[in-house]
C-alpha cells in the first residue's frame, strides 16, 4: 500500500511539472505572435515642448563600487534638463553616502535638478525609500533604476511614447547583461533571464495576461502608483505586489522588448543565492497576499488562471525537490515490483517544452551578434547545465518558498554589486563580499551524497531508468556546492 502511494505521489508531481512546462509552452506561442506582429513606436522628440516631466528614482544601499557609475550614466539621458528630476534615495551606512552626496552636488552645480535624500533607517527597505521619494516627486512619470543598471541615453525618449495609451501604468524594458561572460555562474543567470525577458514577459503581454514590473529599468505613471495604493513593504518583492494591485485596478503594463537596459549580474554564488531567496520568498508572499483577491474578483477566468500560475511559479521548486527526494525510494520500489519506467515517459513533454522555450530565447532572439552555429553550440552546453543547476538550487529555493507561505518575515538582503565586468577582475577582496558555512550548505553537501548513493544503487540493482536524472541532480548539487566552497570568505 505504501509503495503504491509513493509511486502515485511521485507520478502526480511529475504530472504537475509537465503541466507547468506545457503552460509555459503556450507563452512561447504568444511570444512568436508578438514577434510577428509587434509595432515599435517612434522615439519622442527631445525638442518637443510637450514632453512630460519625469522623476528618476535611484534607490541605493551601500553601493560604493557602482554608485558613481550609475549617477554618471543617468545624467547622460537624452532628455531636457528642465523636464527631468533625479532623486538619489540613499539608505547607505558606509562611504556610498559620501560618494552619492558628492556626485549630487557636482551635477547640481551643472544645472541638473538632482536631490540626494538620505534616510537614517531602512524602514520598509527599497519600498520604503521609493514611497518616501514619491512625497517630493514632481514628475508625471517615475523612472526607477537600481544601482547596477545603466540605461542607454535614449531610454526615456523611446519609452515615453508608449504612455499615449492612458491605461498604461508601466513601461518595462528588457534587461541585458554587462558581464554575462564573466563565469559559468553569470552565463547561467543570463541564460535564464533571457527567457523571462523574451518569452515570458512579451508572451504574457501579447496574450493579455497579467505581468510584472521587474523592480527596475522601467517607468511608472505616478497616478497609477497612487491609484493602486502606493508601495507596500509587507513582501520582499514589492515590484510584483504593486504590479498586480495596479492591474487589478484596471491599469495595463506594457512590456517593450526592444528597449533594453544593461545590468550587472551577481558574480558570487552567495549574492546570487540571496537574490534567488528574495525572489522566491517574495513570490510566495505575494501569492498568499494576492491570490484570494484575484480569485474573488470578476476578472476573466483565463486571466485568473494565468495569474495563479504566475504567482505560484516559485512553488515549482518545492515540487522539483520533492520529486528529487522521492526518486530514490521510488527507484527501489519500481525495481522490487518489476515495473518499467515507460509510463513516466510523459515527463519528456515537459523537457521538450522547456528546451523549445530556452532555444527561442537564447538562440533565435538573443546573441544575434554571433553566428547561429555558435549560438546552437552554446545552447547545447548551457541547457543541460542550467537544468542541472536549477535542480541543485531546489533545496535552497524551497526553503524560501516555505518561509514565504508560512509568513516568516526576514530583512531585505540586497545583492552586492562590485562593478565586475571583465573575467580578470576579482571580487574576493571587495567590501560586501560575505559568505559563511551554514546549515543549508551542509544539507546541500548531504543531498549531493544522497544522489551519489542513488547512482550507486542504480548500478547495484541493475535499474537504469533514473540514472540520467540522478546524474543531473548530482552534477547540479555538485556545481552549487563547489561554487559555495570556492566563494567562502575565509578572511
Protein backbone atom coordinates (compact mmCIF):
# COMPACT_ATOMS: atom_id res chain seq x y z
CA UNK A 1 0.00 0.00 0.00
CA UNK A 2 2.78 2.45 0.94
CA UNK A 3 4.66 1.56 -2.22
CA UNK A 4 1.65 2.32 -4.41
CA UNK A 5 1.06 5.58 -2.54
CA UNK A 6 4.64 6.77 -3.07
CA UNK A 7 4.55 5.95 -6.77
CA UNK A 8 1.21 7.77 -7.03
CA UNK A 9 2.59 10.88 -5.32
CA UNK A 10 5.69 10.77 -7.49
CA UNK A 11 3.63 10.48 -10.67
CA UNK A 12 1.35 13.34 -9.58
CA UNK A 13 4.36 15.60 -9.01
CA UNK A 14 5.74 14.77 -12.44
CA UNK A 15 2.32 15.47 -13.98
CA UNK A 16 2.24 18.89 -12.33
CA UNK A 17 5.74 19.70 -13.57
CA UNK A 18 4.79 18.63 -17.08
CA UNK A 19 1.59 20.69 -16.93
CA UNK A 20 3.57 23.72 -15.76
CA UNK A 21 6.00 23.35 -18.67
CA UNK A 22 3.19 22.98 -21.22
CA UNK A 23 1.58 26.18 -19.94
CA UNK A 24 4.94 27.91 -20.43
CA UNK A 25 4.97 26.49 -23.96
CA UNK A 26 1.70 28.32 -24.60
CA UNK A 27 3.53 31.56 -23.74
CA UNK A 28 6.01 30.66 -26.47
CA UNK A 29 3.12 30.59 -28.93
CA UNK A 30 2.06 34.07 -27.79
CA UNK A 31 5.64 35.28 -27.97
CA UNK A 32 6.02 34.17 -31.57
CA UNK A 33 2.81 36.00 -32.40
CA UNK A 34 4.26 39.07 -30.69
CA UNK A 35 7.44 38.91 -32.77
CA UNK A 36 5.40 38.59 -35.95
CA UNK A 37 3.05 41.49 -35.27
CA UNK A 38 4.96 43.85 -32.98
CA UNK A 39 4.95 47.53 -33.86
CA UNK A 40 7.50 49.88 -32.37
CA UNK A 41 6.52 53.46 -31.68
CA UNK A 42 8.95 56.12 -32.88
CA UNK A 43 11.03 57.79 -30.19
CA UNK A 44 9.86 61.09 -28.77
CA UNK A 45 11.49 64.29 -29.99
CA UNK A 46 13.63 65.79 -27.23
CA UNK A 47 12.77 69.28 -28.57
CA UNK A 48 9.04 68.66 -28.17
CA UNK A 49 7.80 71.30 -25.69
CA UNK A 50 5.03 68.93 -24.59
CA UNK A 51 7.36 66.26 -23.22
CA UNK A 52 6.20 65.27 -19.74
CA UNK A 53 8.31 65.72 -16.65
CA UNK A 54 9.99 62.53 -15.43
CA UNK A 55 11.24 61.84 -11.92
CA UNK A 56 14.14 59.37 -11.92
CA UNK A 57 14.45 57.43 -8.66
CA UNK A 58 17.74 55.71 -7.82
CA UNK A 59 17.28 53.56 -4.69
CA UNK A 60 20.71 52.63 -3.26
CA UNK A 61 22.07 50.94 -0.17
CA UNK A 62 25.83 50.59 0.30
CA UNK A 63 26.80 50.70 -3.37
CA UNK A 64 30.28 52.25 -3.22
CA UNK A 65 31.54 50.34 -6.29
CA UNK A 66 28.74 51.32 -8.65
CA UNK A 67 27.04 54.47 -7.35
CA UNK A 68 29.28 56.89 -9.28
CA UNK A 69 28.89 54.83 -12.44
CA UNK A 70 25.11 54.90 -12.01
CA UNK A 71 24.78 58.66 -11.48
CA UNK A 72 27.21 59.45 -14.30
CA UNK A 73 25.08 57.34 -16.64
CA UNK A 74 21.77 58.83 -15.54
CA UNK A 75 22.84 62.41 -16.30
CA UNK A 76 23.66 61.25 -19.84
CA UNK A 77 19.98 60.57 -20.51
CA UNK A 78 18.96 62.49 -23.59
CA UNK A 79 16.07 64.41 -22.08
CA UNK A 80 15.56 68.12 -21.35
CA UNK A 81 17.12 69.12 -18.02
CA UNK A 82 14.05 71.12 -17.02
CA UNK A 83 11.84 68.03 -17.57
CA UNK A 84 13.99 65.67 -15.52
CA UNK A 85 14.15 65.36 -11.71
CA UNK A 86 16.73 62.95 -10.25
CA UNK A 87 16.25 61.51 -6.75
CA UNK A 88 19.05 59.54 -5.14
CA UNK A 89 17.19 57.56 -2.46
CA UNK A 90 20.08 56.64 -0.24
CA UNK A 91 19.85 54.28 2.75
CA UNK A 92 23.61 53.75 2.88
CA UNK A 93 25.59 53.29 6.08
CA UNK A 94 29.08 53.42 4.53
CA UNK A 95 31.13 55.59 2.18
CA UNK A 96 28.47 55.23 -0.51
CA UNK A 97 26.69 58.10 1.27
CA UNK A 98 29.60 60.49 0.74
CA UNK A 99 30.15 59.39 -2.85
CA UNK A 100 26.48 59.86 -3.75
CA UNK A 101 26.26 63.21 -1.97
CA UNK A 102 29.39 64.49 -3.72
CA UNK A 103 28.07 63.41 -7.14
CA UNK A 104 24.71 65.05 -6.47
CA UNK A 105 26.40 68.34 -5.56
CA UNK A 106 28.65 68.10 -8.63
CA UNK A 107 25.75 67.71 -11.06
CA UNK A 108 23.53 70.16 -9.23
CA UNK A 109 26.20 72.80 -9.90
CA UNK A 110 25.90 71.90 -13.59
CA UNK A 111 22.20 72.70 -13.63
CA UNK A 112 20.64 69.29 -13.00
CA UNK A 113 17.60 69.00 -10.76
CA UNK A 114 19.17 66.33 -8.57
CA UNK A 115 18.42 65.59 -4.93
CA UNK A 116 20.29 63.36 -2.50
CA UNK A 117 17.81 62.02 0.06
CA UNK A 118 19.42 60.06 2.88
CA UNK A 119 17.46 58.05 5.45
CA UNK A 120 18.89 57.22 8.84
CA UNK A 121 16.89 53.98 8.86
CA UNK A 122 15.85 51.37 6.31
CA UNK A 123 12.18 51.31 7.24
CA UNK A 124 10.35 49.45 4.50
CA UNK A 125 13.68 48.84 2.71
CA UNK A 126 13.50 49.62 -1.02
CA UNK A 127 9.71 50.02 -0.98
CA UNK A 128 10.02 52.44 1.91
CA UNK A 129 12.63 54.52 0.11
CA UNK A 130 10.52 54.68 -3.07
CA UNK A 131 7.44 55.61 -1.05
CA UNK A 132 9.23 58.47 0.71
CA UNK A 133 10.67 59.65 -2.59
CA UNK A 134 7.14 59.92 -4.00
CA UNK A 135 6.40 62.66 -1.47
CA UNK A 136 8.67 65.11 -3.29
CA UNK A 137 8.44 63.65 -6.81
CA UNK A 138 7.36 66.34 -9.25
CA UNK A 139 7.27 64.20 -12.41
CA UNK A 140 4.17 62.84 -14.10
CA UNK A 141 6.15 59.65 -14.61
CA UNK A 142 8.57 57.82 -12.30
CA UNK A 143 11.57 56.00 -13.81
CA UNK A 144 13.35 53.58 -11.48
CA UNK A 145 16.88 52.24 -11.86
CA UNK A 146 18.72 50.03 -9.38
CA UNK A 147 22.40 50.71 -8.74
CA UNK A 148 23.69 48.07 -11.16
CA UNK A 149 21.69 49.31 -14.19
CA UNK A 150 22.99 51.58 -16.95
CA UNK A 151 20.17 52.84 -19.19
CA UNK A 152 21.05 53.98 -22.69
CA UNK A 153 20.86 57.76 -23.32
CA UNK A 154 17.70 57.39 -25.43
CA UNK A 155 15.86 55.26 -22.83
CA UNK A 156 13.30 57.90 -21.84
CA UNK A 157 12.69 59.11 -25.39
CA UNK A 158 12.00 55.53 -26.51
CA UNK A 159 9.72 54.66 -23.58
CA UNK A 160 7.59 57.80 -23.09
CA UNK A 161 5.54 57.42 -26.34
CA UNK A 162 4.01 54.18 -25.00
CA UNK A 163 2.19 56.21 -22.37
CA UNK A 164 -0.02 57.72 -25.06
CA UNK A 165 -2.36 54.92 -24.05
CA UNK A 166 -3.95 56.43 -20.93
CA UNK A 167 -4.45 52.97 -19.39
CA UNK A 168 -0.72 52.21 -19.39
CA UNK A 169 0.67 52.17 -15.85
CA UNK A 170 4.17 50.89 -16.60
CA UNK A 171 6.58 50.58 -19.49
CA UNK A 172 9.05 47.81 -18.69
CA UNK A 173 12.26 47.31 -20.67
CA UNK A 174 14.32 44.19 -21.29
CA UNK A 175 17.38 43.56 -19.17
CA UNK A 176 20.64 42.79 -20.91
CA UNK A 177 23.88 41.78 -19.22
CA UNK A 178 27.13 43.69 -18.78
CA UNK A 179 29.13 40.71 -17.54
CA UNK A 180 27.44 37.62 -18.97
CA UNK A 181 30.75 36.03 -19.98
CA UNK A 182 32.45 36.52 -16.61
CA UNK A 183 31.93 32.92 -15.43
CA UNK A 184 29.72 29.88 -15.77
CA UNK A 185 27.56 31.32 -12.99
CA UNK A 186 26.86 34.56 -14.86
CA UNK A 187 26.26 32.67 -18.11
CA UNK A 188 23.64 30.50 -16.41
CA UNK A 189 21.91 33.54 -14.93
CA UNK A 190 21.78 35.24 -18.33
CA UNK A 191 20.51 32.01 -19.89
CA UNK A 192 17.53 32.03 -17.53
CA UNK A 193 16.85 35.78 -17.56
CA UNK A 194 16.80 35.78 -21.36
CA UNK A 195 13.75 33.53 -21.18
CA UNK A 196 11.95 35.74 -18.69
CA UNK A 197 12.65 38.90 -20.69
CA UNK A 198 11.57 37.45 -24.01
CA UNK A 199 9.12 34.53 -23.96
CA UNK A 200 7.57 35.13 -20.55
CA UNK A 201 7.20 38.90 -20.39
CA UNK A 202 6.44 39.53 -24.06
CA UNK A 203 4.26 36.39 -24.24
CA UNK A 204 2.15 37.48 -21.27
CA UNK A 205 1.85 41.00 -22.66
CA UNK A 206 0.81 39.74 -26.10
CA UNK A 207 -1.78 37.33 -24.65
CA UNK A 208 -3.31 39.94 -22.35
CA UNK A 209 -2.27 38.19 -19.12
CA UNK A 210 -1.12 39.98 -16.00
CA UNK A 211 2.63 40.53 -15.97
CA UNK A 212 5.05 42.35 -13.73
CA UNK A 213 7.21 45.39 -13.41
CA UNK A 214 10.65 43.97 -12.64
CA UNK A 215 11.61 46.48 -9.98
CA UNK A 216 13.99 48.47 -12.17
CA UNK A 217 14.64 49.61 -15.75
CA UNK A 218 11.05 50.72 -16.16
CA UNK A 219 8.80 53.77 -15.91
CA UNK A 220 5.62 54.12 -13.85
CA UNK A 221 2.80 56.58 -14.34
CA UNK A 222 2.71 58.36 -10.98
CA UNK A 223 -1.10 58.37 -10.97
CA UNK A 224 -1.15 54.57 -11.32
CA UNK A 225 1.11 54.11 -8.28
CA UNK A 226 -1.17 56.32 -6.22
CA UNK A 227 -4.35 54.70 -7.51
CA UNK A 228 -3.04 51.21 -6.68
CA UNK A 229 -2.32 52.21 -3.07
CA UNK A 230 1.38 53.06 -3.34
CA UNK A 231 4.41 51.00 -2.43
CA UNK A 232 3.92 48.30 0.23
CA UNK A 233 6.78 46.74 2.17
CA UNK A 234 4.97 43.67 3.52
CA UNK A 235 6.60 41.37 0.91
CA UNK A 236 10.17 41.04 -0.35
CA UNK A 237 9.10 41.64 -3.95
CA UNK A 238 7.33 44.98 -3.73
CA UNK A 239 7.50 45.32 -7.52
CA UNK A 240 5.36 42.22 -8.14
CA UNK A 241 2.91 43.32 -5.46
CA UNK A 242 2.34 46.81 -6.89
CA UNK A 243 2.17 45.42 -10.44
CA UNK A 244 -0.74 43.16 -9.57
CA UNK A 245 -2.56 45.74 -7.45
CA UNK A 246 -2.36 48.21 -10.33
CA UNK A 247 -3.64 45.66 -12.86
CA UNK A 248 -6.47 44.71 -10.51
CA UNK A 249 -7.44 48.40 -10.70
CA UNK A 250 -7.63 48.16 -14.49
CA UNK A 251 -4.19 49.54 -15.37
CA UNK A 252 -2.02 47.86 -18.03
CA UNK A 253 1.68 47.04 -18.11
CA UNK A 254 3.41 47.47 -21.45
CA UNK A 255 6.49 45.33 -21.99
CA UNK A 256 8.74 46.62 -24.78
CA UNK A 257 11.34 44.03 -25.70
CA UNK A 258 13.26 46.38 -27.97
CA UNK A 259 14.04 48.89 -25.22
CA UNK A 260 17.00 47.37 -23.41
CA UNK A 261 18.85 48.27 -20.24
CA UNK A 262 22.23 46.65 -19.42
CA UNK A 263 22.85 45.47 -15.86
CA UNK A 264 25.49 43.69 -13.81
CA UNK A 265 24.82 40.07 -12.87
CA UNK A 266 25.84 38.75 -9.42
CA UNK A 267 29.32 37.23 -9.69
CA UNK A 268 29.48 35.29 -6.42
CA UNK A 269 27.28 32.32 -5.55
CA UNK A 270 26.18 33.78 -2.22
CA UNK A 271 24.99 37.01 -3.81
CA UNK A 272 23.14 35.01 -6.45
CA UNK A 273 21.56 32.70 -3.89
CA UNK A 274 20.44 35.60 -1.70
CA UNK A 275 18.83 37.18 -4.77
CA UNK A 276 17.10 33.90 -5.60
CA UNK A 277 15.95 33.55 -1.99
CA UNK A 278 14.42 37.04 -2.04
CA UNK A 279 12.68 36.47 -5.36
CA UNK A 280 11.33 33.02 -4.42
CA UNK A 281 10.19 34.05 -0.94
CA UNK A 282 8.68 37.28 -2.25
CA UNK A 283 6.79 35.33 -4.90
CA UNK A 284 5.32 33.04 -2.25
CA UNK A 285 4.43 36.01 -0.03
CA UNK A 286 2.64 37.71 -2.92
CA UNK A 287 0.73 34.58 -3.88
CA UNK A 288 -0.50 34.32 -0.29
CA UNK A 289 -1.45 38.02 -0.30
CA UNK A 290 -2.92 38.40 -3.78
CA UNK A 291 -4.43 35.07 -4.82
CA UNK A 292 -7.53 35.39 -2.59
CA UNK A 293 -8.18 38.84 -4.10
CA UNK A 294 -7.72 37.57 -7.66
CA UNK A 295 -9.93 34.53 -7.16
CA UNK A 296 -12.72 36.65 -5.67
CA UNK A 297 -12.51 39.26 -8.43
CA UNK A 298 -14.65 39.42 -11.56
CA UNK A 299 -11.63 39.01 -13.82
CA UNK A 300 -11.99 36.66 -16.81
CA UNK A 301 -11.25 33.03 -15.98
CA UNK A 302 -8.27 32.98 -18.35
CA UNK A 303 -6.58 35.89 -16.56
CA UNK A 304 -7.27 34.28 -13.17
CA UNK A 305 -5.76 31.00 -14.34
CA UNK A 306 -2.53 32.51 -15.68
CA UNK A 307 -2.24 34.87 -12.72
CA UNK A 308 -2.44 31.94 -10.31
CA UNK A 309 0.27 30.05 -12.16
CA UNK A 310 2.43 33.16 -12.38
CA UNK A 311 2.17 33.95 -8.67
CA UNK A 312 2.74 30.30 -7.75
CA UNK A 313 5.67 29.85 -10.14
CA UNK A 314 8.29 29.86 -7.36
CA UNK A 315 6.50 26.86 -5.82
CA UNK A 316 7.74 24.70 -8.69
CA UNK A 317 10.98 24.30 -6.72
CA UNK A 318 9.05 22.55 -3.95
CA UNK A 319 7.77 20.04 -6.48
CA UNK A 320 11.21 19.62 -8.08
CA UNK A 321 12.84 18.96 -4.72
CA UNK A 322 10.09 16.54 -3.70
CA UNK A 323 10.47 14.64 -6.98
CA UNK A 324 14.23 14.51 -6.46
CA UNK A 325 13.98 13.14 -2.92
CA UNK A 326 11.29 10.60 -3.78
CA UNK A 327 13.14 9.33 -6.84
CA UNK A 328 15.46 7.16 -4.75
CA UNK A 329 12.82 5.15 -2.83
CA UNK A 330 10.69 5.05 -6.00
CA UNK A 331 13.69 3.61 -7.87
CA UNK A 332 13.92 0.79 -5.32
CA UNK A 333 10.14 0.21 -5.28
CA UNK A 334 9.85 0.02 -9.06
CA UNK A 335 12.68 -2.49 -9.22
CA UNK A 336 11.10 -4.51 -6.40
CA UNK A 337 7.72 -4.53 -8.18
CA UNK A 338 9.40 -5.13 -11.55
CA UNK A 339 7.77 -2.02 -13.00
CA UNK A 340 9.12 -0.35 -16.12
CA UNK A 341 9.55 3.41 -16.09
CA UNK A 342 7.98 3.82 -19.52
CA UNK A 343 4.68 5.03 -18.01
CA UNK A 344 6.59 8.09 -16.75
CA UNK A 345 7.63 8.96 -20.29
CA UNK A 346 5.09 11.81 -20.42
CA UNK A 347 7.55 13.97 -18.45
CA UNK A 348 9.67 14.18 -21.61
CA UNK A 349 6.99 16.52 -22.95
CA UNK A 350 7.92 18.97 -20.21
CA UNK A 351 11.61 18.72 -21.02
CA UNK A 352 10.99 19.26 -24.73
CA UNK A 353 8.74 22.23 -23.93
CA UNK A 354 11.41 23.90 -21.83
CA UNK A 355 14.03 23.13 -24.46
CA UNK A 356 11.90 24.89 -27.09
CA UNK A 357 11.39 27.94 -24.86
CA UNK A 358 15.06 28.31 -23.96
CA UNK A 359 16.07 27.75 -27.59
CA UNK A 360 13.76 30.53 -28.73
CA UNK A 361 15.13 32.96 -26.14
CA UNK A 362 18.84 32.15 -26.33
CA UNK A 363 19.33 31.13 -29.96
CA UNK A 364 16.58 32.76 -32.01
CA UNK A 365 16.30 36.05 -30.09
CA UNK A 366 19.48 36.81 -28.13
CA UNK A 367 23.16 36.81 -29.14
CA UNK A 368 22.39 37.97 -32.67
CA UNK A 369 25.96 39.26 -32.96
CA UNK A 370 27.17 35.63 -33.04
CA UNK A 371 26.81 33.10 -35.82
CA UNK A 372 23.86 30.75 -35.50
CA UNK A 373 26.20 27.77 -35.26
CA UNK A 374 27.93 29.32 -32.24
CA UNK A 375 24.56 30.04 -30.65
CA UNK A 376 23.49 26.44 -31.12
CA UNK A 377 26.76 25.12 -29.65
CA UNK A 378 26.35 27.44 -26.67
CA UNK A 379 22.77 26.25 -26.20
CA UNK A 380 23.76 22.56 -26.39
CA UNK A 381 26.16 23.11 -23.49
CA UNK A 382 24.13 25.53 -21.42
CA UNK A 383 20.69 23.90 -21.44
CA UNK A 384 21.58 20.63 -19.64
CA UNK A 385 23.90 22.56 -17.32
CA UNK A 386 21.15 25.03 -16.49
CA UNK A 387 18.64 22.22 -15.85
CA UNK A 388 21.10 20.51 -13.52
CA UNK A 389 21.99 23.67 -11.58
CA UNK A 390 18.32 24.63 -11.26
CA UNK A 391 17.66 21.26 -9.65
CA UNK A 392 20.72 21.85 -7.48
CA UNK A 393 19.10 25.05 -6.16
CA UNK A 394 15.79 23.35 -5.41
CA UNK A 395 16.57 22.80 -1.72
CA UNK A 396 17.70 26.39 -1.16
CA UNK A 397 14.74 27.87 -3.05
CA UNK A 398 12.25 25.51 -1.41
CA UNK A 399 13.21 26.91 2.00
CA UNK A 400 12.48 30.41 0.69
CA UNK A 401 9.08 29.36 -0.64
CA UNK A 402 8.11 27.60 2.58
CA UNK A 403 9.10 30.64 4.65
CA UNK A 404 7.04 32.85 2.35
CA UNK A 405 3.93 30.71 2.73
CA UNK A 406 4.42 30.42 6.49
CA UNK A 407 4.65 34.20 6.83
CA UNK A 408 8.13 34.20 8.34
CA UNK A 409 9.49 37.70 7.97
CA UNK A 410 13.07 38.47 7.02
CA UNK A 411 15.04 41.56 6.08
CA UNK A 412 15.56 42.72 2.51
CA UNK A 413 19.08 41.45 1.75
CA UNK A 414 20.32 43.38 -1.24
CA UNK A 415 22.52 41.70 -3.83
CA UNK A 416 26.05 43.17 -3.63
CA UNK A 417 27.49 44.73 -6.78
CA UNK A 418 31.21 45.03 -7.37
CA UNK A 419 31.44 46.73 -10.79
CA UNK A 420 32.78 43.43 -12.13
CA UNK A 421 32.63 43.15 -15.92
CA UNK A 422 35.85 41.52 -17.18
CA UNK A 423 36.99 37.97 -16.42
CA UNK A 424 40.29 39.03 -14.87
CA UNK A 425 38.58 41.15 -12.22
CA UNK A 426 38.20 39.69 -8.74
CA UNK A 427 35.57 40.26 -6.05
CA UNK A 428 37.04 38.30 -3.16
CA UNK A 429 38.93 41.31 -1.80
CA UNK A 430 35.94 43.64 -2.04
CA UNK A 431 33.78 45.01 0.73
CA UNK A 432 30.29 43.48 0.83
CA UNK A 433 31.69 40.08 -0.15
CA UNK A 434 30.33 37.91 2.62
CA UNK A 435 29.84 34.19 2.96
CA UNK A 436 29.81 31.58 5.66
CA UNK A 437 29.42 27.88 6.17
CA UNK A 438 25.89 27.33 7.42
CA UNK A 439 23.42 24.51 7.90
CA UNK A 440 21.96 24.93 4.40
CA UNK A 441 25.36 24.39 2.81
CA UNK A 442 25.86 21.32 5.00
CA UNK A 443 22.47 19.96 3.93
CA UNK A 444 23.34 20.54 0.27
CA UNK A 445 26.51 18.51 0.82
CA UNK A 446 24.46 15.66 2.32
CA UNK A 447 21.97 15.84 -0.56
CA UNK A 448 24.88 15.64 -3.01
CA UNK A 449 25.99 12.43 -1.29
CA UNK A 450 22.39 11.17 -1.35
CA UNK A 451 22.28 11.32 -5.15
CA UNK A 452 25.73 9.80 -5.39
CA UNK A 453 24.28 6.90 -3.39
CA UNK A 454 21.28 6.80 -5.80
CA UNK A 455 23.60 6.35 -8.77
CA UNK A 456 25.43 3.54 -6.98
CA UNK A 457 22.10 1.91 -6.10
CA UNK A 458 21.04 2.02 -9.76
CA UNK A 459 24.18 0.13 -10.76
CA UNK A 460 23.81 -2.33 -7.88
CA UNK A 461 20.24 -3.35 -8.71
CA UNK A 462 20.81 -3.04 -12.46
CA UNK A 463 17.96 -0.50 -12.90
CA UNK A 464 18.98 2.46 -15.05
CA UNK A 465 15.71 4.29 -15.77
CA UNK A 466 16.54 7.04 -13.24
CA UNK A 467 20.27 7.13 -13.90
CA UNK A 468 20.39 10.29 -16.05
CA UNK A 469 18.08 12.12 -13.64
CA UNK A 470 20.28 11.24 -10.67
CA UNK A 471 23.45 12.18 -12.55
CA UNK A 472 21.96 15.61 -13.33
CA UNK A 473 20.94 16.05 -9.70
CA UNK A 474 24.41 15.13 -8.50
CA UNK A 475 26.01 17.47 -11.05
CA UNK A 476 23.62 20.30 -10.12
CA UNK A 477 24.14 20.00 -6.37
CA UNK A 478 27.84 19.43 -7.05
CA UNK A 479 28.27 22.65 -9.04
CA UNK A 480 26.34 24.53 -6.38
CA UNK A 481 28.46 23.05 -3.58
CA UNK A 482 31.79 23.58 -5.37
CA UNK A 483 30.98 27.22 -6.11
CA UNK A 484 29.91 27.66 -2.48
CA UNK A 485 33.25 26.28 -1.27
CA UNK A 486 35.23 28.37 -3.77
CA UNK A 487 33.44 31.54 -2.72
CA UNK A 488 33.70 31.00 1.02
CA UNK A 489 35.22 34.05 2.65
CA UNK A 490 37.95 32.82 4.98
CA UNK A 491 39.14 36.29 5.96
